[in-house]
PDB file of N, CA and C in Angstrom:
ATOM      1  N   MET A   1      27.035  69.122 -17.375  1.00  0.00           N
ATOM      2  CA  MET A   1      26.187  68.519 -16.393  1.00  0.00           C
ATOM      3  C   MET A   1      24.928  67.963 -17.037  1.00  0.00           C
ATOM      4  N   GLU A   2      24.383  68.717 -17.993  1.00  0.00           N
ATOM      5  CA  GLU A   2      23.163  68.289 -18.643  1.00  0.00           C
ATOM      6  C   GLU A   2      23.409  67.093 -19.560  1.00  0.00           C
ATOM      7  N   ASP A   3      24.634  66.923 -20.022  1.00  0.00           N
ATOM      8  CA  ASP A   3      24.948  65.792 -20.884  1.00  0.00           C
ATOM      9  C   ASP A   3      24.862  64.471 -20.114  1.00  0.00           C
ATOM     10  N   LYS A   4      25.142  64.469 -18.844  1.00  0.00           N
ATOM     11  CA  LYS A   4      25.118  63.252 -18.032  1.00  0.00           C
ATOM     12  C   LYS A   4      23.688  62.817 -17.720  1.00  0.00           C
ATOM     13  N   LYS A   5      22.761  63.719 -17.652  1.00  0.00           N
ATOM     14  CA  LYS A   5      21.388  63.421 -17.285  1.00  0.00           C
ATOM     15  C   LYS A   5      20.738  62.422 -18.262  1.00  0.00           C
ATOM     16  N   PRO A   6      20.854  62.594 -19.572  1.00  0.00           N
ATOM     17  CA  PRO A   6      20.250  61.625 -20.488  1.00  0.00           C
ATOM     18  C   PRO A   6      20.876  60.232 -20.374  1.00  0.00           C
ATOM     19  N   PHE A   7      22.120  60.137 -19.956  1.00  0.00           N
ATOM     20  CA  PHE A   7      22.760  58.839 -19.802  1.00  0.00           C
ATOM     21  C   PHE A   7      22.344  58.144 -18.504  1.00  0.00           C
ATOM     22  N   ILE A   8      22.048  58.906 -17.481  1.00  0.00           N
ATOM     23  CA  ILE A   8      21.687  58.339 -16.183  1.00  0.00           C
ATOM     24  C   ILE A   8      20.250  57.836 -16.188  1.00  0.00           C
ATOM     25  N   GLU A   9      19.339  58.525 -16.850  1.00  0.00           N
ATOM     26  CA  GLU A   9      17.941  58.112 -16.862  1.00  0.00           C
ATOM     27  C   GLU A   9      17.758  56.708 -17.458  1.00  0.00           C
ATOM     28  N   PRO A  10      18.352  56.385 -18.612  1.00  0.00           N
ATOM     29  CA  PRO A  10      18.205  55.016 -19.127  1.00  0.00           C
ATOM     30  C   PRO A  10      18.822  53.973 -18.185  1.00  0.00           C
ATOM     31  N   LEU A  11      19.887  54.385 -17.502  1.00  0.00           N
ATOM     32  CA  LEU A  11      20.511  53.467 -16.552  1.00  0.00           C
ATOM     33  C   LEU A  11      19.553  53.150 -15.412  1.00  0.00           C
ATOM     34  N   PHE A  12      18.881  54.166 -14.870  1.00  0.00           N
ATOM     35  CA  PHE A  12      17.910  53.942 -13.803  1.00  0.00           C
ATOM     36  C   PHE A  12      16.733  53.107 -14.301  1.00  0.00           C
ATOM     37  N   GLU A  13      16.310  53.332 -15.532  1.00  0.00           N
ATOM     38  CA  GLU A  13      15.224  52.540 -16.107  1.00  0.00           C
ATOM     39  C   GLU A  13      15.627  51.070 -16.226  1.00  0.00           C
ATOM     40  N   ARG A  14      16.858  50.822 -16.630  1.00  0.00           N
ATOM     41  CA  ARG A  14      17.344  49.440 -16.752  1.00  0.00           C
ATOM     42  C   ARG A  14      17.455  48.766 -15.379  1.00  0.00           C
ATOM     43  N   VAL A  15      17.922  49.533 -14.403  1.00  0.00           N
ATOM     44  CA  VAL A  15      18.021  48.994 -13.049  1.00  0.00           C
ATOM     45  C   VAL A  15      16.630  48.652 -12.521  1.00  0.00           C
ATOM     46  N   GLU A  16      15.663  49.529 -12.764  1.00  0.00           N
ATOM     47  CA  GLU A  16      14.298  49.275 -12.335  1.00  0.00           C
ATOM     48  C   GLU A  16      13.726  48.049 -13.046  1.00  0.00           C
ATOM     49  N   GLU A  17      13.969  47.938 -14.333  1.00  0.00           N
ATOM     50  CA  GLU A  17      13.494  46.792 -15.109  1.00  0.00           C
ATOM     51  C   GLU A  17      14.164  45.500 -14.622  1.00  0.00           C
ATOM     52  N   TYR A  18      15.450  45.589 -14.320  1.00  0.00           N
ATOM     53  CA  TYR A  18      16.169  44.422 -13.795  1.00  0.00           C
ATOM     54  C   TYR A  18      15.586  43.985 -12.455  1.00  0.00           C
ATOM     55  N   GLY A  19      15.277  44.942 -11.588  1.00  0.00           N
ATOM     56  CA  GLY A  19      14.686  44.622 -10.289  1.00  0.00           C
ATOM     57  C   GLY A  19      13.328  43.965 -10.442  1.00  0.00           C
ATOM     58  N   LYS A  20      12.497  44.471 -11.338  1.00  0.00           N
ATOM     59  CA  LYS A  20      11.184  43.872 -11.576  1.00  0.00           C
ATOM     60  C   LYS A  20      11.314  42.465 -12.142  1.00  0.00           C
ATOM     61  N   THR A  21      12.244  42.295 -13.074  1.00  0.00           N
ATOM     62  CA  THR A  21      12.459  40.972 -13.669  1.00  0.00           C
ATOM     63  C   THR A  21      12.968  39.981 -12.630  1.00  0.00           C
ATOM     64  N   SER A  22      13.886  40.433 -11.779  1.00  0.00           N
ATOM     65  CA  SER A  22      14.409  39.558 -10.727  1.00  0.00           C
ATOM     66  C   SER A  22      13.313  39.159  -9.748  1.00  0.00           C
ATOM     67  N   LEU A  23      12.457  40.100  -9.376  1.00  0.00           N
ATOM     68  CA  LEU A  23      11.353  39.804  -8.476  1.00  0.00           C
ATOM     69  C   LEU A  23      10.385  38.809  -9.111  1.00  0.00           C
ATOM     70  N   GLU A  24      10.094  38.991 -10.379  1.00  0.00           N
ATOM     71  CA  GLU A  24       9.201  38.066 -11.090  1.00  0.00           C
ATOM     72  C   GLU A  24       9.820  36.666 -11.166  1.00  0.00           C
ATOM     73  N   LEU A  25      11.116  36.601 -11.390  1.00  0.00           N
ATOM     74  CA  LEU A  25      11.804  35.314 -11.436  1.00  0.00           C
ATOM     75  C   LEU A  25      11.749  34.610 -10.085  1.00  0.00           C
ATOM     76  N   ILE A  26      11.938  35.358  -9.007  1.00  0.00           N
ATOM     77  CA  ILE A  26      11.852  34.778  -7.658  1.00  0.00           C
ATOM     78  C   ILE A  26      10.448  34.255  -7.394  1.00  0.00           C
ATOM     79  N   LYS A  27       9.432  35.006  -7.802  1.00  0.00           N
ATOM     80  CA  LYS A  27       8.048  34.564  -7.631  1.00  0.00           C
ATOM     81  C   LYS A  27       7.797  33.265  -8.392  1.00  0.00           C
ATOM     82  N   LEU A  28       8.257  33.211  -9.634  1.00  0.00           N
ATOM     83  CA  LEU A  28       8.038  32.021 -10.455  1.00  0.00           C
ATOM     84  C   LEU A  28       8.779  30.797  -9.890  1.00  0.00           C
ATOM     85  N   LYS A  29       9.989  31.008  -9.410  1.00  0.00           N
ATOM     86  CA  LYS A  29      10.736  29.893  -8.802  1.00  0.00           C
ATOM     87  C   LYS A  29      10.040  29.406  -7.535  1.00  0.00           C
ATOM     88  N   THR A  30       9.509  30.330  -6.746  1.00  0.00           N
ATOM     89  CA  THR A  30       8.799  29.960  -5.525  1.00  0.00           C
ATOM     90  C   THR A  30       7.543  29.167  -5.849  1.00  0.00           C
ATOM     91  N   VAL A  31       6.796  29.616  -6.826  1.00  0.00           N
ATOM     92  CA  VAL A  31       5.589  28.894  -7.237  1.00  0.00           C
ATOM     93  C   VAL A  31       5.956  27.509  -7.759  1.00  0.00           C
ATOM     94  N   ASP A  32       7.027  27.416  -8.535  1.00  0.00           N
ATOM     95  CA  ASP A  32       7.468  26.125  -9.071  1.00  0.00           C
ATOM     96  C   ASP A  32       7.820  25.160  -7.948  1.00  0.00           C
ATOM     97  N   LYS A  33       8.585  25.609  -6.969  1.00  0.00           N
ATOM     98  CA  LYS A  33       8.980  24.740  -5.856  1.00  0.00           C
ATOM     99  C   LYS A  33       7.786  24.345  -5.008  1.00  0.00           C
ATOM    100  N   ALA A  34       6.921  25.302  -4.720  1.00  0.00           N
ATOM    101  CA  ALA A  34       5.735  25.003  -3.908  1.00  0.00           C
ATOM    102  C   ALA A  34       4.836  23.999  -4.624  1.00  0.00           C
ATOM    103  N   THR A  35       4.670  24.162  -5.917  1.00  0.00           N
ATOM    104  CA  THR A  35       3.858  23.232  -6.694  1.00  0.00           C
ATOM    105  C   THR A  35       4.485  21.850  -6.720  1.00  0.00           C
ATOM    106  N   ASP A  36       5.795  21.803  -6.874  1.00  0.00           N
ATOM    107  CA  ASP A  36       6.498  20.522  -6.905  1.00  0.00           C
ATOM    108  C   ASP A  36       6.357  19.785  -5.581  1.00  0.00           C
ATOM    109  N   VAL A  37       6.566  20.484  -4.478  1.00  0.00           N
ATOM    110  CA  VAL A  37       6.456  19.868  -3.156  1.00  0.00           C
ATOM    111  C   VAL A  37       5.016  19.425  -2.892  1.00  0.00           C
ATOM    112  N   ALA A  38       4.052  20.276  -3.201  1.00  0.00           N
ATOM    113  CA  ALA A  38       2.643  19.931  -2.964  1.00  0.00           C
ATOM    114  C   ALA A  38       2.211  18.739  -3.808  1.00  0.00           C
ATOM    115  N   SER A  39       2.621  18.715  -5.070  1.00  0.00           N
ATOM    116  CA  SER A  39       2.230  17.591  -5.924  1.00  0.00           C
ATOM    117  C   SER A  39       2.884  16.294  -5.466  1.00  0.00           C
ATOM    118  N   THR A  40       4.094  16.372  -4.951  1.00  0.00           N
ATOM    119  CA  THR A  40       4.758  15.173  -4.423  1.00  0.00           C
ATOM    120  C   THR A  40       3.994  14.641  -3.218  1.00  0.00           C
ATOM    121  N   PHE A  41       3.635  15.528  -2.288  1.00  0.00           N
ATOM    122  CA  PHE A  41       2.907  15.087  -1.102  1.00  0.00           C
ATOM    123  C   PHE A  41       1.517  14.554  -1.454  1.00  0.00           C
ATOM    124  N   ILE A  42       0.844  15.203  -2.387  1.00  0.00           N
ATOM    125  CA  ILE A  42      -0.502  14.754  -2.758  1.00  0.00           C
ATOM    126  C   ILE A  42      -0.448  13.405  -3.457  1.00  0.00           C
ATOM    127  N   SER A  43       0.489  13.233  -4.376  1.00  0.00           N
ATOM    128  CA  SER A  43       0.573  11.951  -5.085  1.00  0.00           C
ATOM    129  C   SER A  43       0.935  10.819  -4.132  1.00  0.00           C
ATOM    130  N   ARG A  44       1.821  11.094  -3.207  1.00  0.00           N
ATOM    131  CA  ARG A  44       2.164  10.061  -2.222  1.00  0.00           C
ATOM    132  C   ARG A  44       1.012   9.830  -1.256  1.00  0.00           C
ATOM    133  N   GLY A  45       0.277  10.883  -0.945  1.00  0.00           N
ATOM    134  CA  GLY A  45      -0.888  10.754  -0.067  1.00  0.00           C
ATOM    135  C   GLY A  45      -1.985   9.909  -0.687  1.00  0.00           C
ATOM    136  N   VAL A  46      -2.079   9.929  -2.003  1.00  0.00           N
ATOM    137  CA  VAL A  46      -3.071   9.098  -2.688  1.00  0.00           C
ATOM    138  C   VAL A  46      -2.609   7.648  -2.754  1.00  0.00           C
ATOM    139  N   MET A  47      -1.321   7.444  -2.946  1.00  0.00           N
ATOM    140  CA  MET A  47      -0.795   6.075  -3.076  1.00  0.00           C
ATOM    141  C   MET A  47      -0.694   5.350  -1.736  1.00  0.00           C
ATOM    142  N   MET A  48      -0.480   6.093  -0.663  1.00  0.00           N
ATOM    143  CA  MET A  48      -0.261   5.454   0.638  1.00  0.00           C
ATOM    144  C   MET A  48      -1.434   4.586   1.102  1.00  0.00           C
ATOM    145  N   PRO A  49      -2.688   5.013   1.007  1.00  0.00           N
ATOM    146  CA  PRO A  49      -3.773   4.131   1.442  1.00  0.00           C
ATOM    147  C   PRO A  49      -3.832   2.820   0.649  1.00  0.00           C
ATOM    148  N   VAL A  50      -3.512   2.881  -0.628  1.00  0.00           N
ATOM    149  CA  VAL A  50      -3.514   1.669  -1.446  1.00  0.00           C
ATOM    150  C   VAL A  50      -2.428   0.708  -0.963  1.00  0.00           C
ATOM    151  N   PHE A  51      -1.227   1.210  -0.766  1.00  0.00           N
ATOM    152  CA  PHE A  51      -0.141   0.366  -0.281  1.00  0.00           C
ATOM    153  C   PHE A  51      -0.406  -0.125   1.139  1.00  0.00           C
ATOM    154  N   LEU A  52      -1.022   0.715   1.956  1.00  0.00           N
ATOM    155  CA  LEU A  52      -1.342   0.331   3.323  1.00  0.00           C
ATOM    156  C   LEU A  52      -2.344  -0.820   3.338  1.00  0.00           C
ATOM    157  N   MET A  53      -3.369  -0.720   2.519  1.00  0.00           N
ATOM    158  CA  MET A  53      -4.364  -1.784   2.451  1.00  0.00           C
ATOM    159  C   MET A  53      -3.728  -3.083   1.942  1.00  0.00           C
ATOM    160  N   CYS A  54      -2.869  -2.969   0.959  1.00  0.00           N
ATOM    161  CA  CYS A  54      -2.156  -4.142   0.442  1.00  0.00           C
ATOM    162  C   CYS A  54      -1.300  -4.771   1.538  1.00  0.00           C
ATOM    163  N   ALA A  55      -0.586  -3.956   2.289  1.00  0.00           N
ATOM    164  CA  ALA A  55       0.267  -4.468   3.363  1.00  0.00           C
ATOM    165  C   ALA A  55      -0.566  -5.141   4.451  1.00  0.00           C
ATOM    166  N   VAL A  56      -1.697  -4.565   4.792  1.00  0.00           N
ATOM    167  CA  VAL A  56      -2.572  -5.164   5.813  1.00  0.00           C
ATOM    168  C   VAL A  56      -3.054  -6.530   5.359  1.00  0.00           C
ATOM    169  N   LEU A  57      -3.487  -6.624   4.116  1.00  0.00           N
ATOM    170  CA  LEU A  57      -3.985  -7.907   3.613  1.00  0.00           C
ATOM    171  C   LEU A  57      -2.882  -8.959   3.530  1.00  0.00           C
ATOM    172  N   ILE A  58      -1.692  -8.532   3.128  1.00  0.00           N
ATOM    173  CA  ILE A  58      -0.566  -9.474   3.094  1.00  0.00           C
ATOM    174  C   ILE A  58      -0.230  -9.943   4.501  1.00  0.00           C
ATOM    175  N   ASN A  59      -0.232  -9.034   5.464  1.00  0.00           N
ATOM    176  CA  ASN A  59       0.064  -9.414   6.851  1.00  0.00           C
ATOM    177  C   ASN A  59      -0.978 -10.366   7.416  1.00  0.00           C
ATOM    178  N   ILE A  60      -2.227 -10.140   7.106  1.00  0.00           N
ATOM    179  CA  ILE A  60      -3.270 -11.064   7.563  1.00  0.00           C
ATOM    180  C   ILE A  60      -3.055 -12.441   6.929  1.00  0.00           C
ATOM    181  N   GLY A  61      -2.728 -12.442   5.639  1.00  0.00           N
ATOM    182  CA  GLY A  61      -2.464 -13.709   4.956  1.00  0.00           C
ATOM    183  C   GLY A  61      -1.280 -14.450   5.554  1.00  0.00           C
ATOM    184  N   VAL A  62      -0.202 -13.732   5.835  1.00  0.00           N
ATOM    185  CA  VAL A  62       0.981 -14.360   6.440  1.00  0.00           C
ATOM    186  C   VAL A  62       0.646 -14.882   7.835  1.00  0.00           C
ATOM    187  N   ALA A  63      -0.104 -14.117   8.600  1.00  0.00           N
ATOM    188  CA  ALA A  63      -0.480 -14.545   9.955  1.00  0.00           C
ATOM    189  C   ALA A  63      -1.348 -15.804   9.895  1.00  0.00           C
ATOM    190  N   LEU A  64      -2.296 -15.824   8.982  1.00  0.00           N
ATOM    191  CA  LEU A  64      -3.141 -17.015   8.847  1.00  0.00           C
ATOM    192  C   LEU A  64      -2.328 -18.229   8.387  1.00  0.00           C
ATOM    193  N   TRP A  65      -1.411 -18.015   7.455  1.00  0.00           N
ATOM    194  CA  TRP A  65      -0.567 -19.094   6.954  1.00  0.00           C
ATOM    195  C   TRP A  65       0.337 -19.642   8.065  1.00  0.00           C
ATOM    196  N   LEU A  66       0.988 -18.743   8.823  1.00  0.00           N
ATOM    197  CA  LEU A  66       1.839 -19.185   9.931  1.00  0.00           C
ATOM    198  C   LEU A  66       1.010 -19.887  11.002  1.00  0.00           C
ATOM    199  N   GLY A  67      -0.164 -19.359  11.287  1.00  0.00           N
ATOM    200  CA  GLY A  67      -1.043 -19.991  12.271  1.00  0.00           C
ATOM    201  C   GLY A  67      -1.464 -21.379  11.832  1.00  0.00           C
ATOM    202  N   ASP A  68      -1.715 -21.552  10.538  1.00  0.00           N
ATOM    203  CA  ASP A  68      -2.068 -22.868   9.997  1.00  0.00           C
ATOM    204  C   ASP A  68      -0.889 -23.828  10.135  1.00  0.00           C
ATOM    205  N   LEU A  69       0.313 -23.343   9.883  1.00  0.00           N
ATOM    206  CA  LEU A  69       1.504 -24.191  10.020  1.00  0.00           C
ATOM    207  C   LEU A  69       1.746 -24.588  11.481  1.00  0.00           C
ATOM    208  N   LEU A  70       1.454 -23.688  12.405  1.00  0.00           N
ATOM    209  CA  LEU A  70       1.709 -23.939  13.822  1.00  0.00           C
ATOM    210  C   LEU A  70       0.534 -24.630  14.530  1.00  0.00           C
ATOM    211  N   GLY A  71      -0.593 -24.739  13.869  1.00  0.00           N
ATOM    212  CA  GLY A  71      -1.722 -25.447  14.453  1.00  0.00           C
ATOM    213  C   GLY A  71      -2.750 -24.550  15.094  1.00  0.00           C
ATOM    214  N   LYS A  72      -2.411 -23.363  15.476  1.00  0.00           N
ATOM    215  CA  LYS A  72      -3.344 -22.408  16.083  1.00  0.00           C
ATOM    216  C   LYS A  72      -3.226 -21.083  15.322  1.00  0.00           C
ATOM    217  N   LEU A  73      -4.357 -20.570  14.876  1.00  0.00           N
ATOM    218  CA  LEU A  73      -4.327 -19.346  14.075  1.00  0.00           C
ATOM    219  C   LEU A  73      -3.760 -18.164  14.842  1.00  0.00           C
ATOM    220  N   TYR A  74      -4.074 -18.070  16.130  1.00  0.00           N
ATOM    221  CA  TYR A  74      -3.608 -16.908  16.888  1.00  0.00           C
ATOM    222  C   TYR A  74      -2.093 -16.871  17.025  1.00  0.00           C
ATOM    223  N   ASN A  75      -1.420 -18.030  16.939  1.00  0.00           N
ATOM    224  CA  ASN A  75       0.047 -18.038  17.004  1.00  0.00           C
ATOM    225  C   ASN A  75       0.653 -17.271  15.823  1.00  0.00           C
ATOM    226  N   GLY A  76       0.055 -17.413  14.663  1.00  0.00           N
ATOM    227  CA  GLY A  76       0.541 -16.675  13.492  1.00  0.00           C
ATOM    228  C   GLY A  76       0.417 -15.175  13.688  1.00  0.00           C
ATOM    229  N   PHE A  77      -0.697 -14.743  14.280  1.00  0.00           N
ATOM    230  CA  PHE A  77      -0.870 -13.312  14.529  1.00  0.00           C
ATOM    231  C   PHE A  77       0.114 -12.800  15.578  1.00  0.00           C
ATOM    232  N   PHE A  78       0.412 -13.644  16.593  1.00  0.00           N
ATOM    233  CA  PHE A  78       1.412 -13.242  17.585  1.00  0.00           C
ATOM    234  C   PHE A  78       2.797 -13.106  16.952  1.00  0.00           C
ATOM    235  N   ILE A  79       3.132 -14.004  16.048  1.00  0.00           N
ATOM    236  CA  ILE A  79       4.448 -13.933  15.391  1.00  0.00           C
ATOM    237  C   ILE A  79       4.550 -12.674  14.536  1.00  0.00           C
ATOM    238  N   VAL A  80       3.506 -12.386  13.770  1.00  0.00           N
ATOM    239  CA  VAL A  80       3.509 -11.180  12.935  1.00  0.00           C
ATOM    240  C   VAL A  80       3.564  -9.932  13.823  1.00  0.00           C
ATOM    241  N   ALA A  81       2.812  -9.912  14.904  1.00  0.00           N
ATOM    242  CA  ALA A  81       2.847  -8.775  15.828  1.00  0.00           C
ATOM    243  C   ALA A  81       4.226  -8.621  16.461  1.00  0.00           C
ATOM    244  N   GLY A  82       4.855  -9.732  16.828  1.00  0.00           N
ATOM    245  CA  GLY A  82       6.210  -9.682  17.388  1.00  0.00           C
ATOM    246  C   GLY A  82       7.208  -9.129  16.379  1.00  0.00           C
ATOM    247  N   PHE A  83       7.059  -9.536  15.120  1.00  0.00           N
ATOM    248  CA  PHE A  83       7.936  -9.014  14.068  1.00  0.00           C
ATOM    249  C   PHE A  83       7.809  -7.497  13.981  1.00  0.00           C
ATOM    250  N   TYR A  84       6.574  -6.986  13.998  1.00  0.00           N
ATOM    251  CA  TYR A  84       6.385  -5.544  13.907  1.00  0.00           C
ATOM    252  C   TYR A  84       6.815  -4.826  15.184  1.00  0.00           C
ATOM    253  N   ALA A  85       6.756  -5.493  16.312  1.00  0.00           N
ATOM    254  CA  ALA A  85       7.271  -4.901  17.551  1.00  0.00           C
ATOM    255  C   ALA A  85       8.784  -4.717  17.454  1.00  0.00           C
ATOM    256  N   ILE A  86       9.472  -5.713  16.897  1.00  0.00           N
ATOM    257  CA  ILE A  86      10.929  -5.611  16.720  1.00  0.00           C
ATOM    258  C   ILE A  86      11.264  -4.500  15.730  1.00  0.00           C
ATOM    259  N   VAL A  87      10.540  -4.440  14.611  1.00  0.00           N
ATOM    260  CA  VAL A  87      10.758  -3.373  13.625  1.00  0.00           C
ATOM    261  C   VAL A  87      10.492  -2.005  14.262  1.00  0.00           C
ATOM    262  N   GLY A  88       9.434  -1.913  15.074  1.00  0.00           N
ATOM    263  CA  GLY A  88       9.119  -0.658  15.756  1.00  0.00           C
ATOM    264  C   GLY A  88      10.219  -0.230  16.711  1.00  0.00           C
ATOM    265  N   LEU A  89      10.795  -1.185  17.442  1.00  0.00           N
ATOM    266  CA  LEU A  89      11.899  -0.859  18.351  1.00  0.00           C
ATOM    267  C   LEU A  89      13.127  -0.377  17.592  1.00  0.00           C
ATOM    268  N   ILE A  90      13.423  -1.037  16.482  1.00  0.00           N
ATOM    269  CA  ILE A  90      14.570  -0.623  15.665  1.00  0.00           C
ATOM    270  C   ILE A  90      14.352   0.799  15.149  1.00  0.00           C
ATOM    271  N   LEU A  91      13.154   1.075  14.642  1.00  0.00           N
ATOM    272  CA  LEU A  91      12.852   2.422  14.162  1.00  0.00           C
ATOM    273  C   LEU A  91      12.898   3.446  15.287  1.00  0.00           C
ATOM    274  N   TYR A  92      12.470   3.040  16.488  1.00  0.00           N
ATOM    275  CA  TYR A  92      12.504   3.943  17.631  1.00  0.00           C
ATOM    276  C   TYR A  92      13.939   4.345  17.969  1.00  0.00           C
ATOM    277  N   PHE A  93      14.854   3.377  17.927  1.00  0.00           N
ATOM    278  CA  PHE A  93      16.234   3.676  18.288  1.00  0.00           C
ATOM    279  C   PHE A  93      16.949   4.504  17.215  1.00  0.00           C
ATOM    280  N   PHE A  94      16.498   4.413  15.981  1.00  0.00           N
ATOM    281  CA  PHE A  94      17.113   5.168  14.894  1.00  0.00           C
ATOM    282  C   PHE A  94      16.258   6.362  14.460  1.00  0.00           C
ATOM    283  N   ARG A  95      15.346   6.810  15.304  1.00  0.00           N
ATOM    284  CA  ARG A  95      14.400   7.861  14.921  1.00  0.00           C
ATOM    285  C   ARG A  95      15.080   9.185  14.603  1.00  0.00           C
ATOM    286  N   GLU A  96      16.147   9.543  15.308  1.00  0.00           N
ATOM    287  CA  GLU A  96      16.836  10.815  15.050  1.00  0.00           C
ATOM    288  C   GLU A  96      17.519  10.795  13.687  1.00  0.00           C
ATOM    289  N   GLN A  97      18.134   9.667  13.352  1.00  0.00           N
ATOM    290  CA  GLN A  97      18.785   9.558  12.049  1.00  0.00           C
ATOM    291  C   GLN A  97      17.746   9.570  10.925  1.00  0.00           C
ATOM    292  N   ILE A  98      16.612   8.940  11.165  1.00  0.00           N
ATOM    293  CA  ILE A  98      15.534   8.942  10.176  1.00  0.00           C
ATOM    294  C   ILE A  98      14.993  10.356  10.013  1.00  0.00           C
ATOM    295  N   LYS A  99      14.828  11.062  11.134  1.00  0.00           N
ATOM    296  CA  LYS A  99      14.324  12.439  11.086  1.00  0.00           C
ATOM    297  C   LYS A  99      15.267  13.333  10.292  1.00  0.00           C
ATOM    298  N   LYS A 100      16.572  13.201  10.522  1.00  0.00           N
ATOM    299  CA  LYS A 100      17.548  14.008   9.782  1.00  0.00           C
ATOM    300  C   LYS A 100      17.514  13.679   8.296  1.00  0.00           C
ATOM    301  N   SER A 101      17.404  12.404   7.964  1.00  0.00           N
ATOM    302  CA  SER A 101      17.364  12.003   6.562  1.00  0.00           C
ATOM    303  C   SER A 101      16.130  12.562   5.860  1.00  0.00           C
ATOM    304  N   VAL A 102      14.984  12.480   6.520  1.00  0.00           N
ATOM    305  CA  VAL A 102      13.749  13.007   5.929  1.00  0.00           C
ATOM    306  C   VAL A 102      13.836  14.526   5.798  1.00  0.00           C
ATOM    307  N   SER A 103      14.372  15.194   6.794  1.00  0.00           N
ATOM    308  CA  SER A 103      14.529  16.653   6.719  1.00  0.00           C
ATOM    309  C   SER A 103      15.440  17.034   5.562  1.00  0.00           C
ATOM    310  N   ASN A 104      16.539  16.315   5.407  1.00  0.00           N
ATOM    311  CA  ASN A 104      17.460  16.598   4.309  1.00  0.00           C
ATOM    312  C   ASN A 104      16.798  16.367   2.955  1.00  0.00           C
ATOM    313  N   LEU A 105      15.985  15.313   2.840  1.00  0.00           N
ATOM    314  CA  LEU A 105      15.292  15.055   1.581  1.00  0.00           C
ATOM    315  C   LEU A 105      14.304  16.172   1.248  1.00  0.00           C
ATOM    316  N   ILE A 106      13.595  16.659   2.254  1.00  0.00           N
ATOM    317  CA  ILE A 106      12.636  17.745   2.030  1.00  0.00           C
ATOM    318  C   ILE A 106      13.377  19.010   1.625  1.00  0.00           C
ATOM    319  N   ILE A 107      14.482  19.305   2.300  1.00  0.00           N
ATOM    320  CA  ILE A 107      15.262  20.499   1.957  1.00  0.00           C
ATOM    321  C   ILE A 107      15.820  20.396   0.550  1.00  0.00           C
ATOM    322  N   LEU A 108      16.334  19.213   0.180  1.00  0.00           N
ATOM    323  CA  LEU A 108      16.835  19.035  -1.183  1.00  0.00           C
ATOM    324  C   LEU A 108      15.719  19.198  -2.208  1.00  0.00           C
ATOM    325  N   GLN A 109      14.529  18.690  -1.884  1.00  0.00           N
ATOM    326  CA  GLN A 109      13.387  18.820  -2.783  1.00  0.00           C
ATOM    327  C   GLN A 109      13.032  20.283  -2.989  1.00  0.00           C
ATOM    328  N   ILE A 110      13.106  21.062  -1.927  1.00  0.00           N
ATOM    329  CA  ILE A 110      12.742  22.479  -2.028  1.00  0.00           C
ATOM    330  C   ILE A 110      13.830  23.282  -2.757  1.00  0.00           C
ATOM    331  N   LEU A 111      15.083  22.994  -2.480  1.00  0.00           N
ATOM    332  CA  LEU A 111      16.179  23.794  -3.046  1.00  0.00           C
ATOM    333  C   LEU A 111      16.548  23.419  -4.472  1.00  0.00           C
ATOM    334  N   ASN A 112      16.214  22.237  -4.907  1.00  0.00           N
ATOM    335  CA  ASN A 112      16.569  21.840  -6.290  1.00  0.00           C
ATOM    336  C   ASN A 112      15.504  22.170  -7.271  1.00  0.00           C
TER     337      ASN A 112
END
């Protein structure tokens, strides 16, 4: 009976060490994923205002150009607004599919 005791103690020590190592690995993987997701959102959050401002200026330019072609500046703005109304309606009708796609992308980002 006493011969088994020295063999069991190292086994319990290894199991305990394995559990601690596994817990540390889970912590490190969680930190890695959280950092990856946060850095992705922050980098995109910084780029979005720049792209938004660029898009606004391009839209104003297109509206002014179309208005100049049509003879009245406000006509160009109405055409650009109508274009975005159509795009908005299309996005509205496909909102569930867009939501699922974005959710899947976020889940893939977290799990990979």
